[in-house]
Protein backbone atom coordinates (compact mmCIF):
# COMPACT_ATOMS: atom_id res chain seq x y z
CA UNK A 1 -53.49 10.50 -31.92
CA UNK A 2 -50.51 11.49 -32.42
CA UNK A 3 -49.77 11.87 -29.13
CA UNK A 4 -51.89 8.79 -28.28
CA UNK A 5 -49.11 7.25 -30.03
CA UNK A 6 -46.24 9.30 -27.77
CA UNK A 7 -47.54 8.42 -24.67
CA UNK A 8 -47.58 4.59 -25.83
CA UNK A 9 -44.13 3.76 -27.32
CA UNK A 10 -42.78 6.29 -24.41
CA UNK A 11 -44.50 3.98 -21.67
CA UNK A 12 -43.46 0.80 -23.81
CA UNK A 13 -39.60 2.45 -23.73
CA UNK A 14 -39.97 2.44 -20.61
CA UNK A 15 -41.58 -0.82 -19.52
CA UNK A 16 -38.55 -2.51 -21.40
CA UNK A 17 -36.09 -0.28 -19.60
CA UNK A 18 -37.33 -1.27 -15.68
CA UNK A 19 -37.56 -4.96 -17.69
CA UNK A 20 -34.15 -5.16 -18.07
CA UNK A 21 -32.91 -3.92 -14.87
CA UNK A 22 -35.46 -6.28 -13.38
CA UNK A 23 -34.05 -9.28 -14.85
CA UNK A 24 -30.05 -7.50 -14.42
CA UNK A 25 -30.98 -7.67 -10.50
CA UNK A 26 -32.70 -10.80 -10.54
CA UNK A 27 -29.36 -12.18 -12.11
CA UNK A 28 -27.61 -10.40 -9.68
CA UNK A 29 -29.50 -12.32 -7.09
CA UNK A 30 -29.79 -15.61 -8.35
CA UNK A 31 -25.51 -14.93 -8.33
CA UNK A 32 -24.94 -13.70 -5.08
CA UNK A 33 -27.30 -16.92 -4.17
CA UNK A 34 -25.82 -19.79 -6.06
CA UNK A 35 -22.68 -18.22 -4.14
CA UNK A 36 -23.18 -18.27 -0.92
CA UNK A 37 -21.58 -21.42 -0.14
CA UNK A 38 -18.56 -20.74 1.44
CA UNK A 39 -15.91 -23.59 -0.64
CA UNK A 40 -15.25 -26.70 1.40
CA UNK A 41 -11.83 -26.99 2.56
CA UNK A 42 -11.33 -31.18 2.23
CA UNK A 43 -9.15 -33.07 4.52
CA UNK A 44 -5.88 -33.39 3.37
CA UNK A 45 -5.58 -30.60 2.18
CA UNK A 46 -2.39 -27.78 1.12
CA UNK A 47 -3.64 -23.74 1.17
CA UNK A 48 -1.67 -22.31 -1.29
CA UNK A 49 -0.39 -19.07 -1.08
CA UNK A 50 0.76 -17.29 -4.24
CA UNK A 51 3.85 -14.38 -3.64
CA UNK A 52 3.06 -12.84 -6.88
CA UNK A 53 -0.59 -11.25 -6.20
CA UNK A 54 -1.03 -7.43 -5.00
CA UNK A 55 -2.43 -7.92 -1.37
CA UNK A 56 -3.61 -3.88 -0.60
CA UNK A 57 -4.77 -2.74 2.53
CA UNK A 58 -8.51 -4.49 1.97
CA UNK A 59 -9.89 -7.01 -0.06
CA UNK A 60 -9.92 -6.13 -3.75
CA UNK A 61 -12.93 -7.61 -5.04
CA UNK A 62 -13.58 -7.51 -9.23
CA UNK A 63 -16.85 -6.49 -9.96
CA UNK A 64 -17.08 -9.89 -11.58
CA UNK A 65 -16.95 -11.98 -9.03
CA UNK A 66 -20.15 -11.52 -8.00
CA UNK A 67 -21.56 -13.29 -11.94
CA UNK A 68 -19.05 -16.16 -11.14
CA UNK A 69 -18.06 -19.26 -9.55
CA UNK A 70 -13.96 -17.69 -9.34
CA UNK A 71 -13.14 -17.34 -5.73
CA UNK A 72 -9.98 -15.65 -7.30
CA UNK A 73 -11.53 -12.95 -9.17
CA UNK A 74 -11.33 -11.51 -5.20
CA UNK A 75 -8.06 -10.88 -3.42
CA UNK A 76 -7.71 -11.03 0.51
CA UNK A 77 -6.00 -8.22 2.45
CA UNK A 78 -2.87 -8.33 3.69
CA UNK A 79 -4.23 -9.17 7.54
CA UNK A 80 -6.85 -11.11 5.99
CA UNK A 81 -4.20 -12.74 4.95
CA UNK A 82 -2.28 -12.89 8.01
CA UNK A 83 -5.27 -14.04 9.90
CA UNK A 84 -6.08 -16.87 7.24
CA UNK A 85 -2.59 -18.00 7.71
CA UNK A 86 -3.46 -18.30 11.67
CA UNK A 87 -6.35 -19.47 10.72
CA UNK A 88 -4.72 -22.66 8.89
CA UNK A 89 -2.25 -23.51 11.84
CA UNK A 90 -5.61 -24.56 13.76
CA UNK A 91 -6.84 -25.99 11.02
CA UNK A 92 -7.01 -29.91 11.13
CA UNK A 93 -7.57 -29.93 7.26
CA UNK A 94 -4.72 -28.47 6.27
CA UNK A 95 -1.56 -30.08 6.23
CA UNK A 96 0.73 -27.83 5.13
CA UNK A 97 1.48 -25.14 3.12
CA UNK A 98 2.81 -24.35 -0.93
CA UNK A 99 4.26 -20.87 -1.34
CA UNK A 100 3.93 -20.06 -5.04
CA UNK A 101 7.28 -17.51 -4.93
CA UNK A 102 6.84 -15.87 -8.13
CA UNK A 103 8.08 -12.24 -8.82
CA UNK A 104 6.73 -10.26 -5.71
CA UNK A 105 4.81 -7.40 -6.04
CA UNK A 106 4.16 -6.17 -2.54
CA UNK A 107 6.28 -3.69 -0.54
CA UNK A 108 9.02 -5.14 2.07
CA UNK A 109 5.95 -4.30 5.65
CA UNK A 110 3.72 -5.73 3.57
CA UNK A 111 6.69 -9.20 3.46
CA UNK A 112 7.26 -9.18 6.81
CA UNK A 113 4.16 -8.94 7.58
CA UNK A 114 3.10 -12.11 6.13
CA UNK A 115 6.47 -13.30 6.31
CA UNK A 116 6.14 -13.21 10.12
CA UNK A 117 2.79 -15.10 10.14
CA UNK A 118 4.76 -18.50 8.45
CA UNK A 119 6.74 -18.68 10.63
CA UNK A 120 3.99 -18.99 13.14
CA UNK A 121 2.95 -21.66 10.91
CA UNK A 122 6.20 -23.22 10.92
CA UNK A 123 6.55 -23.73 14.68
CA UNK A 124 3.04 -26.06 14.25
CA UNK A 125 5.10 -28.15 12.91
CA UNK A 126 3.28 -28.07 9.17
CA UNK A 127 5.01 -28.11 6.68
CA UNK A 128 6.09 -25.08 3.82
CA UNK A 129 6.94 -26.27 0.38
CA UNK A 130 8.38 -22.56 -1.61
CA UNK A 131 8.76 -22.88 -5.52
CA UNK A 132 9.40 -20.36 -8.55
CA UNK A 133 10.17 -20.09 -12.08
CA UNK A 134 12.00 -17.14 -10.86
CA UNK A 135 12.06 -15.54 -7.94
CA UNK A 136 13.10 -12.03 -7.31
CA UNK A 137 14.52 -10.77 -3.82
CA UNK A 138 11.36 -9.45 -2.48
CA UNK A 139 9.69 -13.27 -3.08
CA UNK A 140 13.30 -15.03 -1.50
CA UNK A 141 12.55 -12.56 1.54
CA UNK A 142 9.18 -14.66 2.28
CA UNK A 143 10.57 -17.86 1.23
CA UNK A 144 13.33 -18.74 2.60
CA UNK A 145 11.05 -19.29 6.34
CA UNK A 146 10.06 -22.14 3.71
CA UNK A 147 10.88 -25.93 4.77
CA UNK A 148 12.26 -26.86 1.56
CA UNK A 149 13.12 -23.90 -1.62
CA UNK A 150 13.28 -24.76 -5.11
CA UNK A 151 13.87 -22.89 -7.86
CA UNK A 152 13.12 -24.34 -11.48
CA UNK A 153 16.52 -25.46 -13.08
CA UNK A 154 15.91 -23.17 -16.12
CA UNK A 155 14.44 -20.36 -14.26
CA UNK A 156 16.06 -17.07 -12.42
CA UNK A 157 17.10 -16.31 -8.99
CA UNK A 158 17.75 -12.44 -8.66
CA UNK A 159 20.67 -11.88 -5.86
CA UNK A 160 21.92 -8.81 -6.16
CA UNK A 161 21.79 -5.90 -3.82
CA UNK A 162 18.94 -3.92 -3.55
CA UNK A 163 18.88 -0.80 -5.71
CA UNK A 164 16.61 1.98 -5.54
CA UNK A 165 15.64 4.04 -8.78
CA UNK A 166 14.20 7.76 -9.25
CA UNK A 167 12.71 9.09 -12.17
CA UNK A 168 13.73 13.00 -13.34
CA UNK A 169 11.52 14.99 -16.12
CA UNK A 170 13.47 18.42 -16.07
CA UNK A 171 15.13 17.69 -19.30
CA UNK A 172 10.86 17.15 -20.52
CA UNK A 173 10.18 20.51 -18.65
CA UNK A 174 13.08 22.06 -20.56
CA UNK A 175 12.21 20.65 -24.15
CA UNK A 176 8.65 21.14 -23.25
CA UNK A 177 10.06 25.19 -22.17
CA UNK A 178 8.05 24.80 -18.24
CA UNK A 179 9.01 26.83 -15.91
CA UNK A 180 8.08 24.48 -12.01
CA UNK A 181 8.53 27.15 -9.77
CA UNK A 182 8.94 25.28 -6.80
CA UNK A 183 8.83 26.77 -3.40
CA UNK A 184 9.94 23.78 -0.16
CA UNK A 185 10.69 23.62 3.73
CA UNK A 186 13.69 20.93 5.29
CA UNK A 187 16.62 20.58 2.99
CA UNK A 188 16.44 16.97 2.82
CA UNK A 189 12.99 16.90 0.98
CA UNK A 190 13.30 15.62 -2.04
CA UNK A 191 10.05 15.70 -3.61
CA UNK A 192 10.45 18.22 -6.20
CA UNK A 193 13.03 16.96 -7.31
CA UNK A 194 12.09 14.91 -10.46
CA UNK A 195 10.78 18.92 -12.06
CA UNK A 196 14.08 20.34 -10.33
CA UNK A 197 16.82 18.57 -11.06
CA UNK A 198 18.36 15.40 -13.61
CA UNK A 199 19.54 13.80 -10.02
CA UNK A 200 19.87 12.83 -7.32
CA UNK A 201 20.75 15.99 -5.18
CA UNK A 202 23.76 14.65 -2.42
CA UNK A 203 21.12 15.16 0.31
CA UNK A 204 18.87 12.98 -0.77
CA UNK A 205 21.81 10.47 -1.77
CA UNK A 206 22.64 10.31 1.16
CA UNK A 207 18.79 9.39 2.61
CA UNK A 208 18.62 7.04 -0.48
CA UNK A 209 21.49 5.22 0.97
CA UNK A 210 20.92 5.37 4.48
CA UNK A 211 17.42 3.52 4.17
CA UNK A 212 17.70 1.10 1.67
CA UNK A 213 21.18 0.13 3.61
CA UNK A 214 18.38 -0.37 6.15
CA UNK A 215 16.10 -2.48 4.03
CA UNK A 216 19.60 -4.98 3.44
CA UNK A 217 20.67 -5.33 6.29
CA UNK A 218 17.62 -6.68 7.24
CA UNK A 219 17.09 -8.48 4.02
CA UNK A 220 20.15 -9.83 5.29
CA UNK A 221 19.75 -10.71 8.44
CA UNK A 222 16.82 -12.67 8.47
CA UNK A 223 17.98 -14.46 4.82
CA UNK A 224 20.91 -15.34 7.35
CA UNK A 225 18.70 -16.57 10.48
CA UNK A 226 17.01 -19.07 7.90
CA UNK A 227 19.59 -20.43 5.50
CA UNK A 228 22.75 -20.04 8.62
CA UNK A 229 24.83 -18.16 6.87
CA UNK A 230 26.77 -15.07 8.50
CA UNK A 231 26.06 -11.18 6.47
CA UNK A 232 28.97 -10.86 5.63
CA UNK A 233 29.12 -14.14 3.10
CA UNK A 234 25.61 -13.20 2.22
CA UNK A 235 26.69 -9.77 1.06
CA UNK A 236 29.39 -11.10 -1.07
CA UNK A 237 27.54 -12.98 -3.23
CA UNK A 238 26.34 -10.15 -4.48
CA UNK A 239 29.18 -8.20 -4.09
CA UNK A 240 30.78 -10.23 -6.71
CA UNK A 241 28.04 -11.76 -9.00
CA UNK A 242 28.80 -15.07 -7.06
CA UNK A 243 24.57 -16.42 -8.20
CA UNK A 244 23.83 -16.43 -12.10
CA UNK A 245 21.74 -19.28 -11.50
CA UNK A 246 19.30 -21.37 -9.80
CA UNK A 247 21.78 -24.06 -9.27
CA UNK A 248 25.20 -21.56 -8.13
CA UNK A 249 22.07 -20.08 -5.28
CA UNK A 250 22.01 -24.59 -4.65
CA UNK A 251 25.66 -24.75 -4.66
CA UNK A 252 25.37 -21.53 -1.97
CA UNK A 253 22.92 -23.12 0.03
CA UNK A 254 20.73 -20.27 -0.48
CA UNK A 255 17.78 -22.75 -1.85
CA UNK A 256 17.51 -26.73 -1.64
CA UNK A 257 17.32 -27.64 -5.29
CA UNK A 258 16.39 -27.13 -8.63
CA UNK A 259 12.39 -29.07 -9.30
CA UNK A 260 10.31 -28.27 -12.02
CA UNK A 261 6.56 -28.56 -10.99
CA UNK A 262 6.12 -31.96 -11.45
CA UNK A 263 8.71 -33.03 -8.87
CA UNK A 264 7.64 -30.03 -6.44
CA UNK A 265 3.66 -32.32 -6.98
CA UNK A 266 5.61 -35.69 -5.93
CA UNK A 267 7.14 -34.18 -2.89
CA UNK A 268 3.96 -33.10 -1.35
CA UNK A 269 1.95 -36.38 -2.05
CA UNK A 270 4.93 -37.93 -0.05
CA UNK A 271 4.21 -35.39 2.82
CA UNK A 272 0.56 -36.03 2.77
CA UNK A 273 1.58 -39.61 1.84
CA UNK A 274 -0.72 -40.52 -1.36
CA UNK A 275 -0.27 -42.16 -4.22
CA UNK A 276 1.36 -41.07 -7.41
CA UNK A 277 -2.11 -41.05 -9.34
CA UNK A 278 -4.00 -39.50 -6.37
CA UNK A 279 -5.21 -35.56 -6.29
CA UNK A 280 -3.72 -33.05 -4.21
CA UNK A 281 -6.31 -30.78 -2.84
CA UNK A 282 -5.04 -27.75 -3.13
CA UNK A 283 -6.54 -24.82 -1.95
CA UNK A 284 -6.30 -21.47 -2.88
CA UNK A 285 -5.71 -18.34 -0.09
CA UNK A 286 -8.71 -16.01 -2.74
CA UNK A 287 -10.33 -19.60 -2.23
CA UNK A 288 -9.96 -20.59 1.32
CA UNK A 289 -10.50 -16.61 2.48
CA UNK A 290 -13.88 -17.32 1.18
CA UNK A 291 -14.83 -20.00 3.70
CA UNK A 292 -14.12 -17.34 6.30
CA UNK A 293 -14.36 -18.20 9.75
CA UNK A 294 -11.58 -16.07 10.88
CA UNK A 295 -12.88 -12.87 11.98
CA UNK A 296 -14.83 -13.17 15.99
CA UNK A 297 -18.36 -11.51 16.17
CA UNK A 298 -18.71 -11.61 19.70
CA UNK A 299 -17.01 -9.40 22.68
CA UNK A 300 -16.49 -5.70 22.41
CA UNK A 301 -16.30 -3.80 19.29
CA UNK A 302 -12.26 -2.05 17.92
CA UNK A 303 -12.51 -0.02 14.81
CA UNK A 304 -9.96 -0.53 12.82
CA UNK A 305 -9.40 1.92 10.58
CA UNK A 306 -7.60 1.47 6.85
CA UNK A 307 -5.91 4.69 5.76
CA UNK A 308 -4.52 4.04 2.07
CA UNK A 309 -3.26 5.97 -0.72
CA UNK A 310 -2.61 9.00 -1.49
CA UNK A 311 -4.06 11.86 0.99
CA UNK A 312 -6.74 14.55 -1.14
CA UNK A 313 -9.05 17.29 -0.38
CA UNK A 314 -12.86 16.53 0.12
CA UNK A 315 -13.90 13.76 -1.01
CA UNK A 316 -12.35 10.77 -2.71
CA UNK A 317 -13.52 10.76 -6.27
CA UNK A 318 -12.15 6.22 -6.39
CA UNK A 319 -10.39 3.67 -4.25
CA UNK A 320 -6.99 4.38 -3.30
CA UNK A 321 -7.66 7.40 -2.06
CA UNK A 322 -7.52 8.62 1.77
CA UNK A 323 -10.01 11.73 1.36
CA UNK A 324 -10.43 14.23 4.62
CA UNK A 325 -14.10 14.69 3.65
CA UNK A 326 -14.83 10.14 3.88
CA UNK A 327 -12.03 10.21 6.30
CA UNK A 328 -13.56 12.37 9.12
CA UNK A 329 -16.60 10.70 8.79
CA UNK A 330 -14.95 7.14 9.87
CA UNK A 331 -12.81 8.61 12.10
CA UNK A 332 -15.41 10.44 14.14
CA UNK A 333 -18.13 7.76 13.74
CA UNK A 334 -16.34 5.69 15.47
CA UNK A 335 -15.59 8.35 17.74
CA UNK A 336 -18.58 8.94 18.60
CA UNK A 337 -19.92 5.35 18.60
CA UNK A 338 -20.11 4.57 22.16
CA UNK A 339 -19.88 1.03 21.89
CA UNK A 340 -16.23 0.84 20.36
CA UNK A 341 -13.45 0.89 22.59
CA UNK A 342 -10.69 1.81 20.88
CA UNK A 343 -9.98 2.39 17.42
CA UNK A 344 -6.64 1.29 14.87
CA UNK A 345 -5.98 3.74 12.59
CA UNK A 346 -3.74 1.29 9.29
CA UNK A 347 -1.42 3.60 7.53
CA UNK A 348 0.21 3.04 3.89
CA UNK A 349 1.00 5.92 2.61
CA UNK A 350 3.37 8.62 1.23
CA UNK A 351 1.78 11.59 1.89
CA UNK A 352 0.00 14.27 0.00
CA UNK A 353 -2.71 17.36 0.80
CA UNK A 354 -1.20 19.49 3.72
CA UNK A 355 -4.79 20.48 4.79
CA UNK A 356 -6.25 16.94 4.02
CA UNK A 357 -3.44 15.63 6.17
CA UNK A 358 -4.11 19.20 8.95
CA UNK A 359 -7.95 17.91 8.63
CA UNK A 360 -7.53 14.60 9.37
CA UNK A 361 -4.80 14.69 12.01
CA UNK A 362 -7.69 16.73 14.23
CA UNK A 363 -10.18 14.40 14.62
CA UNK A 364 -7.99 11.52 15.36
CA UNK A 365 -7.10 14.30 17.96
CA UNK A 366 -10.13 14.80 19.17
CA UNK A 367 -10.76 10.36 19.12
CA UNK A 368 -7.52 10.12 21.40
CA UNK A 369 -9.05 12.57 23.46
CA UNK A 370 -12.49 9.74 24.11
CA UNK A 371 -10.45 6.46 23.46
CA UNK A 372 -7.15 4.82 22.57
CA UNK A 373 -6.42 5.42 19.61
CA UNK A 374 -3.38 2.83 17.45
CA UNK A 375 -1.62 4.04 14.85
CA UNK A 376 -0.12 0.60 12.42
CA UNK A 377 1.76 1.76 9.68
CA UNK A 378 1.94 -0.76 6.52
CA UNK A 379 5.18 -0.10 3.67
CA UNK A 380 5.20 3.77 3.77
CA UNK A 381 4.29 5.98 6.06
CA UNK A 382 5.76 9.62 5.48
CA UNK A 383 5.18 12.86 5.39
CA UNK A 384 1.29 13.33 5.39
CA UNK A 385 0.82 9.63 5.86
CA UNK A 386 3.31 10.60 9.28
CA UNK A 387 1.34 13.93 9.88
CA UNK A 388 -1.79 12.14 10.12
CA UNK A 389 -0.67 9.58 12.51
CA UNK A 390 1.87 11.47 15.31
CA UNK A 391 -0.92 11.99 17.45
CA UNK A 392 -1.77 8.40 18.32
CA UNK A 393 -1.04 6.82 21.75
CA UNK A 394 1.29 4.33 20.18
CA UNK A 395 2.52 3.76 16.70
CA UNK A 396 3.99 0.75 15.77
CA UNK A 397 5.90 -0.15 12.15
CA UNK A 398 8.27 -2.48 11.13
CA UNK A 399 11.83 -1.96 10.99
CA UNK A 400 11.05 -1.98 6.96
CA UNK A 401 9.01 0.99 7.32
CA UNK A 402 9.11 4.08 4.87
CA UNK A 403 8.56 6.56 7.35
CA UNK A 404 9.56 10.37 8.14
CA UNK A 405 9.78 12.76 5.59
CA UNK A 406 8.75 15.23 7.94
CA UNK A 407 8.48 18.65 5.37
CA UNK A 408 6.48 20.56 3.09
CA UNK A 409 6.32 21.94 -0.83
CA UNK A 410 4.77 23.10 -3.56
CA UNK A 411 4.89 23.96 -7.34
CA UNK A 412 3.49 26.53 -9.54
CA UNK A 413 3.98 25.86 -12.82
CA UNK A 414 4.00 28.21 -15.21
CA UNK A 415 3.46 27.17 -18.50
CA UNK A 416 3.14 30.49 -20.59
CA UNK A 417 6.46 29.24 -22.74
CA UNK A 418 4.30 26.13 -23.65
CA UNK A 419 1.73 27.91 -24.37
CA UNK A 420 2.82 30.73 -26.83
CA UNK A 421 6.33 28.91 -27.91
CA UNK A 422 4.98 25.43 -28.29
CA UNK A 423 0.94 26.03 -28.91
CA UNK A 424 0.65 29.86 -30.32
CA UNK A 425 -1.87 30.31 -27.43
CA UNK A 426 -1.50 34.01 -25.03
CA UNK A 427 -2.92 35.53 -22.21
CA UNK A 428 -4.69 38.72 -21.73
CA UNK A 429 -7.51 39.92 -19.33
CA UNK A 430 -7.90 42.37 -16.20
CA UNK A 431 -7.52 42.54 -12.51
CA UNK A 432 -9.01 44.77 -9.68
CA UNK A 433 -6.05 43.96 -7.52
CA UNK A 434 -2.44 42.88 -7.81
CA UNK A 435 -2.21 39.87 -7.06
CA UNK A 436 -6.05 38.70 -8.00
CA UNK A 437 -4.58 36.17 -10.46
CA UNK A 438 -1.94 35.32 -8.12
CA UNK A 439 -1.43 31.05 -9.26
CA UNK A 440 -2.17 31.29 -12.74
CA UNK A 441 0.17 28.96 -14.72
CA UNK A 442 0.48 30.87 -18.18
CA UNK A 443 2.67 33.75 -16.87
CA UNK A 444 6.00 33.64 -13.96
CA UNK A 445 5.51 34.52 -10.92
CA UNK A 446 6.36 38.01 -9.67
CA UNK A 447 9.13 38.13 -6.50
CA UNK A 448 6.48 39.42 -4.49
CA UNK A 449 4.48 36.19 -4.87
CA UNK A 450 7.10 33.88 -4.70
CA UNK A 451 8.15 35.62 -1.43
CA UNK A 452 3.90 34.53 -0.50
CA UNK A 453 3.81 31.18 -1.76
CA UNK A 454 7.55 31.11 0.20
CA UNK A 455 5.55 32.46 3.62
CA UNK A 456 2.81 30.39 3.46
CA UNK A 457 4.88 26.94 2.64
CA UNK A 458 6.96 27.85 5.97
CA UNK A 459 4.63 28.45 7.90
CA UNK A 460 2.75 24.46 7.64
CA UNK A 461 5.92 23.01 7.55
CA UNK A 462 6.34 24.84 11.38
CA UNK A 463 2.27 23.84 11.99
CA UNK A 464 3.69 20.39 11.18
CA UNK A 465 6.93 20.04 13.52
CA UNK A 466 4.47 21.66 16.17
CA UNK A 467 1.78 18.57 15.08
CA UNK A 468 4.41 15.36 15.57
CA UNK A 469 6.31 17.57 19.12
CA UNK A 470 3.65 17.59 20.60
CA UNK A 471 2.40 14.17 19.62
CA UNK A 472 5.68 12.04 20.51
CA UNK A 473 6.41 14.61 23.46
CA UNK A 474 8.90 15.42 22.67
CA UNK A 475 10.91 19.71 21.17
CA UNK A 476 10.11 21.41 18.22
CA UNK A 477 13.78 22.13 18.29
CA UNK A 478 14.50 17.92 17.87
CA UNK A 479 11.28 17.40 15.68
CA UNK A 480 13.49 19.98 13.47
CA UNK A 481 16.83 18.09 13.64
CA UNK A 482 14.86 14.91 12.74
CA UNK A 483 12.75 16.67 10.27
CA UNK A 484 13.97 18.47 6.81
CA UNK A 485 11.86 16.23 5.18
CA UNK A 486 14.15 13.68 5.92
CA UNK A 487 13.01 9.90 4.85
CA UNK A 488 13.93 7.11 7.93
CA UNK A 489 12.91 2.98 7.61
CA UNK A 490 11.47 2.11 10.82
CA UNK A 491 14.18 0.48 11.58
CA UNK A 492 15.97 3.63 12.88
CA UNK A 493 12.67 5.82 13.27
CA UNK A 494 12.30 3.82 17.25
CA UNK A 495 15.70 4.68 17.90
CA UNK A 496 14.92 8.61 17.52
CA UNK A 497 11.69 8.24 19.07
CA UNK A 498 8.93 8.96 15.46
CA UNK A 499 7.54 5.39 16.22
CA UNK A 500 6.72 3.49 19.39
CA UNK A 501 7.49 -0.45 18.36
CA UNK A 502 7.82 -3.17 16.02
CA UNK A 503 5.85 -4.89 15.01
CA UNK A 504 2.84 -6.05 12.56
CA UNK A 505 -1.36 -4.85 12.72
CA UNK A 506 -2.26 -7.53 15.10
CA UNK A 507 -0.09 -7.09 17.12
CA UNK A 508 -0.97 -2.63 16.78
CA UNK A 509 -4.83 -4.09 17.85
CA UNK A 510 -3.32 -6.18 20.56
CA UNK A 511 -1.96 -2.95 22.34
CA UNK A 512 -5.85 -0.86 21.70
CA UNK A 513 -7.06 -3.62 23.37
CA UNK A 514 -5.06 -4.16 26.52
CA UNK A 515 -5.54 0.40 26.96
CA UNK A 516 -9.32 0.00 26.37
CA UNK A 517 -8.90 -2.73 29.17
CA UNK A 518 -11.09 -5.36 27.35
CA UNK A 519 -9.98 -9.14 25.87
CA UNK A 520 -13.41 -10.65 24.53
CA UNK A 521 -13.54 -8.09 21.26
CA UNK A 522 -13.95 -8.47 17.82
CA UNK A 523 -13.34 -5.72 15.28
CA UNK A 524 -14.97 -3.45 12.09
CA UNK A 525 -13.56 -2.91 9.64
CA UNK A 526 -14.13 0.16 7.71
CA UNK A 527 -13.93 1.45 4.84
CA UNK A 528 -16.93 -0.91 4.63
CA UNK A 529 -16.92 -2.97 0.95
CA UNK A 530 -18.69 -1.41 -1.50
CA UNK A 531 -21.56 -3.67 -2.94
CA UNK A 532 -21.82 -4.54 -6.22
CA UNK A 533 -24.05 -2.28 -7.42
CA UNK A 534 -21.35 0.63 -6.54
CA UNK A 535 -18.88 -0.87 -7.78
CA UNK A 536 -20.93 -1.06 -11.02
CA UNK A 537 -22.53 2.55 -11.16
CA UNK A 538 -20.72 4.45 -8.27
CA UNK A 539 -18.00 6.70 -9.88
CA UNK A 540 -15.53 6.02 -7.26
CA UNK A 541 -13.89 2.98 -8.42
CA UNK A 542 -11.65 2.82 -11.34
CA UNK A 543 -9.72 -1.01 -10.25
CA UNK A 544 -11.29 -2.06 -14.08
CA UNK A 545 -9.88 1.69 -15.78
CA UNK A 546 -6.19 0.66 -14.06
CA UNK A 547 -6.00 -3.06 -14.20
CA UNK A 548 -6.32 -2.12 -17.82
CA UNK A 549 -3.93 0.59 -18.09
CA UNK A 550 -1.44 -1.59 -16.19
CA UNK A 551 -1.89 -4.48 -18.38
CA UNK A 552 -1.75 -1.93 -21.84
CA UNK A 553 1.47 -1.07 -20.48
CA UNK A 554 3.13 -3.36 -18.64
CA UNK A 555 4.54 -3.14 -15.21
CA UNK A 556 7.44 -0.80 -15.50
CA UNK A 557 5.51 1.56 -18.04
CA UNK A 558 3.03 1.31 -15.34
CA UNK A 559 5.13 2.82 -12.91
CA UNK A 560 6.12 5.65 -14.85
CA UNK A 561 2.66 6.39 -16.10
CA UNK A 562 1.78 6.62 -12.03
CA UNK A 563 4.58 8.51 -11.22
CA UNK A 564 3.48 10.71 -14.23
CA UNK A 565 0.25 11.18 -12.15
CA UNK A 566 1.59 11.74 -8.72
CA UNK A 567 3.74 14.53 -10.31
CA UNK A 568 -0.08 15.91 -11.57
CA UNK A 569 -1.42 15.91 -8.42
CA UNK A 570 1.80 17.98 -7.16
CA UNK A 571 0.47 21.60 -8.25
CA UNK A 572 -3.24 21.26 -6.71
CA UNK A 573 -2.08 22.26 -3.21
CA UNK A 574 0.67 22.48 -0.80
CA UNK A 575 1.43 19.36 -0.32
CA UNK A 576 3.67 16.73 2.95
CA UNK A 577 3.91 14.03 0.36
CA UNK A 578 7.01 11.40 0.29
CA UNK A 579 9.68 12.54 -2.10
CA UNK A 580 9.18 10.38 -4.98
CA UNK A 581 7.43 7.04 -6.43
CA UNK A 582 11.16 5.02 -6.38
CA UNK A 583 11.94 2.26 -7.60
CA UNK A 584 13.31 -0.90 -5.83
CA UNK A 585 14.63 -3.95 -7.35
């Protein structure tokens, strides 16, 4: 009888569990069906673009989006935004764009692509009005293309020049009694500086001054073109601290006026010929994204592969990583698919594992032998990000892209002092050969071990330079002269042969189509979007966790947290990685 009840209750429990799961799946299905209708774009509409959103390479969709009618939970990718602006240019229902120009968290190259799309929109004759309560310089870089630029009378307008702040942890390690034991190749390879110095080395100060100056010069030039103020005067405004309030910006003709939100809405109503009590048909870029119809689905196929984040070995444990095993499969799939005529590889990465970079480079080189491979750089394509790209048929970048950093480093921390003096922990053991425990973090390395590691670093550096020399059709000696771990702006990279042309992702796609000799084509984009089940039950999506940490710490503290996590990753393998996470204001 006991066995009967045990089986009965087990069966009952199983029935309840499957019923709950079935009900949950039913809700998912219903939610999906309920959301299948695209948002209606009404006549006389105004497209709203919030520059304060972070636009990644691919769309970001909250797991809650499936269950909600709130279209704002889905954020389009950068290229999506560009294509949606192009669509709006021809959409008779869209009469203009309202730029909400709050603090811009996006990189300079991302901002440049959006800015260029807006310039094309404005040339169509439709209006653009930009408004913000607080406008930083990256926001203004996009906003100044508008027909009218306004800031709240009591708000904030930033015109102070660019600065780059770096985080150093040498003092922290000393307090913790941790010796980093650093190995590197390339005199500019400053990725280890946060751990071995308490300030910038002369080499790093030089390269940072140059590339930051390049970005600033580009910013001033583009502002000059739109506001008809010479760059020397713009530079002087920053040097003298001449602009402290939004009204100062009006007086210096950087913006067109100070307004409150209601005044902006009244001006938009006038442009739309609406009455005082009429409603403006605003549609956000997120909702417009849901309306679709901006991607072709016919013609030949071109693969567009997005590679964004840290380059890591093996399979990716989370989104936002370029995991070698995953990307080898993606590139190989595109290479072996005869219906795919060309590959566009979009890179936005400061690098990572040297081994992972090599394996991805290998797969792309095999693809190049069979079909055109064109690379497009985003905000950053440096070190390992450049390694995986250097063999392409052609490389496109923005003048404000950060690239280069051709160098290698490795870190094996000696934590003996920390374990013993801070925690009271000691280690002992036996080994069958002198170097059996090479790389152990609980003891210092001897001179022979340090020599072995440095030799390995040097060999990888030689290989890295050879890959670049072969891909860019340069001599190894020449590559060595521009390598050494030095970071370059896209503006200088084109002159030294690291990139081929200035242009955004669309320019790279157009180039790939020309090389493949196809005029009628559509894009197959990878990695493919995760399903709701992947996002809810998969192990790779840490979006919710990341956003919770960001909100809890705040933006500035979150940057420091990210830097700490990045430094932690450095100790896992030999790295081809950008110097460090620089914070540009």
